[in-house]
Structure formats: structure tokens, C-alpha cells
Amino acid sequence: MTVLNLVPPPRRGANPTHERASVLKFIVTHPARLYAVLTALLALFAHYFPGLPGALILAVVAASLGAGEAVQRTEDAKTLRAGVGE
């Protein structure tokens, strides 16, 4: 890697499709963690940019609550599947 080229060369045998699949697998496996990080970033963004319109912040918060409900249902389904497998 040189100073001008900050992007490392592709690894030998690297498969971008496999890397995307692993990211999607992480999202499906850990939706609650991802939701927590995104919600924390939302709070930081709202704090450091106080000039944002209140309606925009409320709309994003409402969408975040809806996403939280979806994450909760996903986690509940995973818990039920784990309990059945006993």
C-alpha cells in the first residue's frame, strides 16, 4: 500500500459475493445489536446537529420505534426456535 493508494489491493481469492453474504448473515443473526448501534447514532446525530427540524427528528424516532418492534419480533422468534430445539 502506498500513501496515495489507501485502498488495499484485493486479497487473493477474495469473493465480494461471499463478503456481502457474511454481512447479511451478521445482520440476520444480530438485529438487536445493529438496532442498538443505529439508535445510539441517531441520538448522537440529533444532539450534535441541534438545527434539525423537530418534525424530521420525530419522524425518524417513529421509524426507529417501528424498527425496534420488528427487531423484538425477530428476537422472540429466535428464542422460541431455541426453546423448541431443547
N, C-alpha and C. Protein backbone atom coordinates (compact mmCIF):
# COMPACT_ATOMS: atom_id res chain seq x y z
N MET A 1 0.84 -1.18 0.00
CA MET A 1 0.00 0.00 0.00
C MET A 1 0.89 1.24 0.00
N THR A 2 0.57 2.18 -0.84
CA THR A 2 1.31 3.43 -0.86
C THR A 2 0.49 4.51 -0.16
N VAL A 3 1.12 5.65 0.03
CA VAL A 3 0.43 6.75 0.69
C VAL A 3 -0.75 7.23 -0.16
N LEU A 4 -0.57 7.24 -1.48
CA LEU A 4 -1.63 7.73 -2.35
C LEU A 4 -2.76 6.72 -2.53
N ASN A 5 -2.44 5.46 -2.37
CA ASN A 5 -3.46 4.42 -2.55
C ASN A 5 -3.83 3.86 -1.18
N LEU A 6 -4.88 4.39 -0.60
CA LEU A 6 -5.29 3.98 0.75
C LEU A 6 -6.14 2.72 0.75
N VAL A 7 -6.59 2.31 -0.42
CA VAL A 7 -7.40 1.11 -0.52
C VAL A 7 -6.47 -0.07 -0.75
N PRO A 8 -6.49 -1.05 0.14
CA PRO A 8 -5.59 -2.19 -0.06
C PRO A 8 -5.99 -2.99 -1.29
N PRO A 9 -5.04 -3.65 -1.91
CA PRO A 9 -5.39 -4.47 -3.08
C PRO A 9 -6.27 -5.63 -2.64
N PRO A 10 -7.09 -6.17 -3.55
CA PRO A 10 -7.96 -7.28 -3.16
C PRO A 10 -7.13 -8.49 -2.75
N ARG A 11 -7.61 -9.20 -1.76
CA ARG A 11 -6.91 -10.40 -1.31
C ARG A 11 -7.01 -11.46 -2.39
N ARG A 12 -6.00 -12.27 -2.45
CA ARG A 12 -6.02 -13.35 -3.43
C ARG A 12 -7.16 -14.29 -3.06
N GLY A 13 -8.04 -14.52 -4.01
CA GLY A 13 -9.17 -15.42 -3.77
C GLY A 13 -10.33 -14.73 -3.07
N ALA A 14 -10.28 -13.40 -2.91
CA ALA A 14 -11.38 -12.70 -2.24
C ALA A 14 -12.63 -12.77 -3.11
N ASN A 15 -13.74 -12.99 -2.47
CA ASN A 15 -15.01 -13.11 -3.18
C ASN A 15 -15.98 -12.07 -2.63
N PRO A 16 -16.24 -10.98 -3.38
CA PRO A 16 -17.13 -9.94 -2.87
C PRO A 16 -18.53 -10.45 -2.55
N THR A 17 -19.00 -11.44 -3.31
CA THR A 17 -20.32 -12.00 -3.04
C THR A 17 -20.34 -12.68 -1.68
N HIS A 18 -19.27 -13.40 -1.35
CA HIS A 18 -19.18 -14.07 -0.05
C HIS A 18 -19.13 -13.05 1.08
N GLU A 19 -18.40 -11.95 0.87
CA GLU A 19 -18.31 -10.92 1.90
C GLU A 19 -19.67 -10.27 2.14
N ARG A 20 -20.42 -10.01 1.08
CA ARG A 20 -21.77 -9.44 1.25
C ARG A 20 -22.66 -10.43 1.98
N ALA A 21 -22.52 -11.70 1.66
CA ALA A 21 -23.33 -12.72 2.33
C ALA A 21 -23.00 -12.79 3.80
N SER A 22 -21.73 -12.60 4.16
CA SER A 22 -21.38 -12.65 5.58
C SER A 22 -21.92 -11.43 6.32
N VAL A 23 -21.97 -10.27 5.65
CA VAL A 23 -22.55 -9.08 6.26
C VAL A 23 -24.05 -9.29 6.48
N LEU A 24 -24.72 -9.84 5.47
CA LEU A 24 -26.15 -10.11 5.61
C LEU A 24 -26.41 -11.15 6.70
N LYS A 25 -25.54 -12.14 6.81
CA LYS A 25 -25.69 -13.14 7.86
C LYS A 25 -25.56 -12.49 9.24
N PHE A 26 -24.61 -11.54 9.37
CA PHE A 26 -24.45 -10.83 10.64
C PHE A 26 -25.71 -10.03 10.96
N ILE A 27 -26.28 -9.37 9.97
CA ILE A 27 -27.49 -8.57 10.19
C ILE A 27 -28.64 -9.45 10.64
N VAL A 28 -28.80 -10.61 10.00
CA VAL A 28 -29.89 -11.51 10.35
C VAL A 28 -29.65 -12.14 11.72
N THR A 29 -28.39 -12.43 12.04
CA THR A 29 -28.07 -13.08 13.31
C THR A 29 -28.14 -12.12 14.49
N HIS A 30 -27.76 -10.87 14.29
CA HIS A 30 -27.68 -9.91 15.40
C HIS A 30 -28.48 -8.63 15.14
N PRO A 31 -29.78 -8.72 14.90
CA PRO A 31 -30.53 -7.49 14.61
C PRO A 31 -30.63 -6.55 15.82
N ALA A 32 -30.66 -7.10 17.01
CA ALA A 32 -30.77 -6.24 18.20
C ALA A 32 -29.52 -5.40 18.40
N ARG A 33 -28.36 -5.98 18.16
CA ARG A 33 -27.11 -5.22 18.28
C ARG A 33 -27.06 -4.10 17.26
N LEU A 34 -27.41 -4.41 16.03
CA LEU A 34 -27.41 -3.41 14.98
C LEU A 34 -28.41 -2.30 15.28
N TYR A 35 -29.59 -2.67 15.77
CA TYR A 35 -30.61 -1.68 16.13
C TYR A 35 -30.10 -0.76 17.25
N ALA A 36 -29.43 -1.34 18.24
CA ALA A 36 -28.92 -0.54 19.36
C ALA A 36 -27.87 0.47 18.88
N VAL A 37 -26.99 0.03 18.00
CA VAL A 37 -25.96 0.94 17.49
C VAL A 37 -26.59 2.05 16.66
N LEU A 38 -27.52 1.70 15.79
CA LEU A 38 -28.16 2.73 14.96
C LEU A 38 -28.97 3.71 15.79
N THR A 39 -29.63 3.23 16.83
CA THR A 39 -30.40 4.12 17.70
C THR A 39 -29.48 5.07 18.46
N ALA A 40 -28.34 4.55 18.92
CA ALA A 40 -27.37 5.40 19.61
C ALA A 40 -26.81 6.46 18.66
N LEU A 41 -26.53 6.06 17.42
CA LEU A 41 -26.05 7.03 16.45
C LEU A 41 -27.10 8.09 16.14
N LEU A 42 -28.36 7.69 16.12
CA LEU A 42 -29.44 8.64 15.91
C LEU A 42 -29.48 9.68 17.03
N ALA A 43 -29.33 9.23 18.26
CA ALA A 43 -29.33 10.16 19.40
C ALA A 43 -28.13 11.11 19.32
N LEU A 44 -26.96 10.59 18.98
CA LEU A 44 -25.78 11.45 18.85
C LEU A 44 -25.96 12.46 17.71
N PHE A 45 -26.51 12.01 16.61
CA PHE A 45 -26.74 12.90 15.47
C PHE A 45 -27.70 14.02 15.86
N ALA A 46 -28.77 13.69 16.55
CA ALA A 46 -29.74 14.72 16.97
C ALA A 46 -29.11 15.69 17.96
N HIS A 47 -28.19 15.20 18.79
CA HIS A 47 -27.55 16.06 19.79
C HIS A 47 -26.55 17.03 19.14
N TYR A 48 -25.75 16.52 18.22
CA TYR A 48 -24.70 17.35 17.63
C TYR A 48 -25.17 18.23 16.48
N PHE A 49 -26.38 18.03 16.00
CA PHE A 49 -26.96 18.89 14.97
C PHE A 49 -28.28 19.45 15.47
N PRO A 50 -28.22 20.42 16.39
CA PRO A 50 -29.46 20.93 17.01
C PRO A 50 -30.35 21.72 16.06
N GLY A 51 -29.86 22.10 14.90
CA GLY A 51 -30.66 22.88 13.98
C GLY A 51 -31.62 22.05 13.13
N LEU A 52 -31.64 20.76 13.32
CA LEU A 52 -32.54 19.91 12.54
C LEU A 52 -34.00 20.20 12.90
N PRO A 53 -34.89 20.15 11.92
CA PRO A 53 -36.31 20.39 12.22
C PRO A 53 -36.87 19.30 13.14
N GLY A 54 -37.71 19.72 14.05
CA GLY A 54 -38.31 18.79 15.02
C GLY A 54 -39.15 17.72 14.36
N ALA A 55 -39.84 18.07 13.27
CA ALA A 55 -40.67 17.08 12.58
C ALA A 55 -39.82 15.97 11.99
N LEU A 56 -38.66 16.32 11.48
CA LEU A 56 -37.76 15.31 10.92
C LEU A 56 -37.28 14.36 12.02
N ILE A 57 -36.90 14.91 13.15
CA ILE A 57 -36.44 14.07 14.26
C ILE A 57 -37.56 13.16 14.75
N LEU A 58 -38.77 13.69 14.86
CA LEU A 58 -39.89 12.85 15.31
C LEU A 58 -40.21 11.75 14.31
N ALA A 59 -40.11 12.05 13.02
CA ALA A 59 -40.37 11.02 12.01
C ALA A 59 -39.34 9.90 12.09
N VAL A 60 -38.09 10.26 12.28
CA VAL A 60 -37.03 9.25 12.37
C VAL A 60 -37.18 8.44 13.66
N VAL A 61 -37.57 9.10 14.74
CA VAL A 61 -37.79 8.38 16.00
C VAL A 61 -38.95 7.40 15.86
N ALA A 62 -40.01 7.81 15.19
CA ALA A 62 -41.16 6.92 14.97
C ALA A 62 -40.75 5.72 14.12
N ALA A 63 -39.96 5.95 13.09
CA ALA A 63 -39.47 4.84 12.26
C ALA A 63 -38.57 3.93 13.08
N SER A 64 -37.79 4.52 13.96
CA SER A 64 -36.90 3.73 14.82
C SER A 64 -37.71 2.85 15.77
N LEU A 65 -38.80 3.38 16.29
CA LEU A 65 -39.65 2.56 17.17
C LEU A 65 -40.28 1.41 16.40
N GLY A 66 -40.69 1.66 15.17
CA GLY A 66 -41.22 0.59 14.33
C GLY A 66 -40.18 -0.47 14.04
N ALA A 67 -38.95 -0.04 13.77
CA ALA A 67 -37.87 -0.99 13.54
C ALA A 67 -37.58 -1.78 14.81
N GLY A 68 -37.70 -1.13 15.96
CA GLY A 68 -37.49 -1.83 17.24
C GLY A 68 -38.51 -2.93 17.45
N GLU A 69 -39.73 -2.68 17.04
CA GLU A 69 -40.77 -3.71 17.14
C GLU A 69 -40.43 -4.90 16.25
N ALA A 70 -39.95 -4.62 15.04
CA ALA A 70 -39.56 -5.71 14.13
C ALA A 70 -38.39 -6.50 14.70
N VAL A 71 -37.44 -5.81 15.28
CA VAL A 71 -36.29 -6.49 15.90
C VAL A 71 -36.75 -7.35 17.06
N GLN A 72 -37.66 -6.83 17.87
CA GLN A 72 -38.17 -7.60 19.01
C GLN A 72 -38.86 -8.87 18.54
N ARG A 73 -39.65 -8.77 17.50
CA ARG A 73 -40.33 -9.97 16.98
C ARG A 73 -39.34 -10.99 16.43
N THR A 74 -38.28 -10.50 15.78
CA THR A 74 -37.25 -11.40 15.28
C THR A 74 -36.56 -12.12 16.43
N GLU A 75 -36.22 -11.37 17.47
CA GLU A 75 -35.56 -11.98 18.63
C GLU A 75 -36.49 -12.96 19.34
N ASP A 76 -37.77 -12.63 19.43
CA ASP A 76 -38.73 -13.55 20.05
C ASP A 76 -38.83 -14.85 19.26
N ALA A 77 -38.83 -14.74 17.94
CA ALA A 77 -38.90 -15.93 17.09
C ALA A 77 -37.65 -16.79 17.27
N LYS A 78 -36.48 -16.15 17.38
CA LYS A 78 -35.24 -16.91 17.60
C LYS A 78 -35.28 -17.61 18.95
N THR A 79 -35.82 -16.94 19.96
CA THR A 79 -35.91 -17.55 21.29
C THR A 79 -36.85 -18.73 21.28
N LEU A 80 -37.98 -18.59 20.60
CA LEU A 80 -38.93 -19.71 20.53
C LEU A 80 -38.32 -20.90 19.78
N ARG A 81 -37.60 -20.64 18.69
CA ARG A 81 -36.95 -21.72 17.96
C ARG A 81 -35.91 -22.41 18.83
N ALA A 82 -35.18 -21.65 19.63
CA ALA A 82 -34.16 -22.24 20.50
C ALA A 82 -34.81 -23.08 21.58
N GLY A 83 -35.98 -22.65 22.09
CA GLY A 83 -36.68 -23.41 23.14
C GLY A 83 -37.25 -24.69 22.61
N VAL A 84 -37.70 -24.70 21.38
CA VAL A 84 -38.27 -25.90 20.78
C VAL A 84 -37.19 -26.94 20.52
N GLY A 85 -35.96 -26.46 20.24
CA GLY A 85 -34.87 -27.38 19.93
C GLY A 85 -34.32 -28.13 21.13
N GLU A 86 -34.79 -27.84 22.32
CA GLU A 86 -34.26 -28.50 23.52
C GLU A 86 -34.56 -29.96 23.59
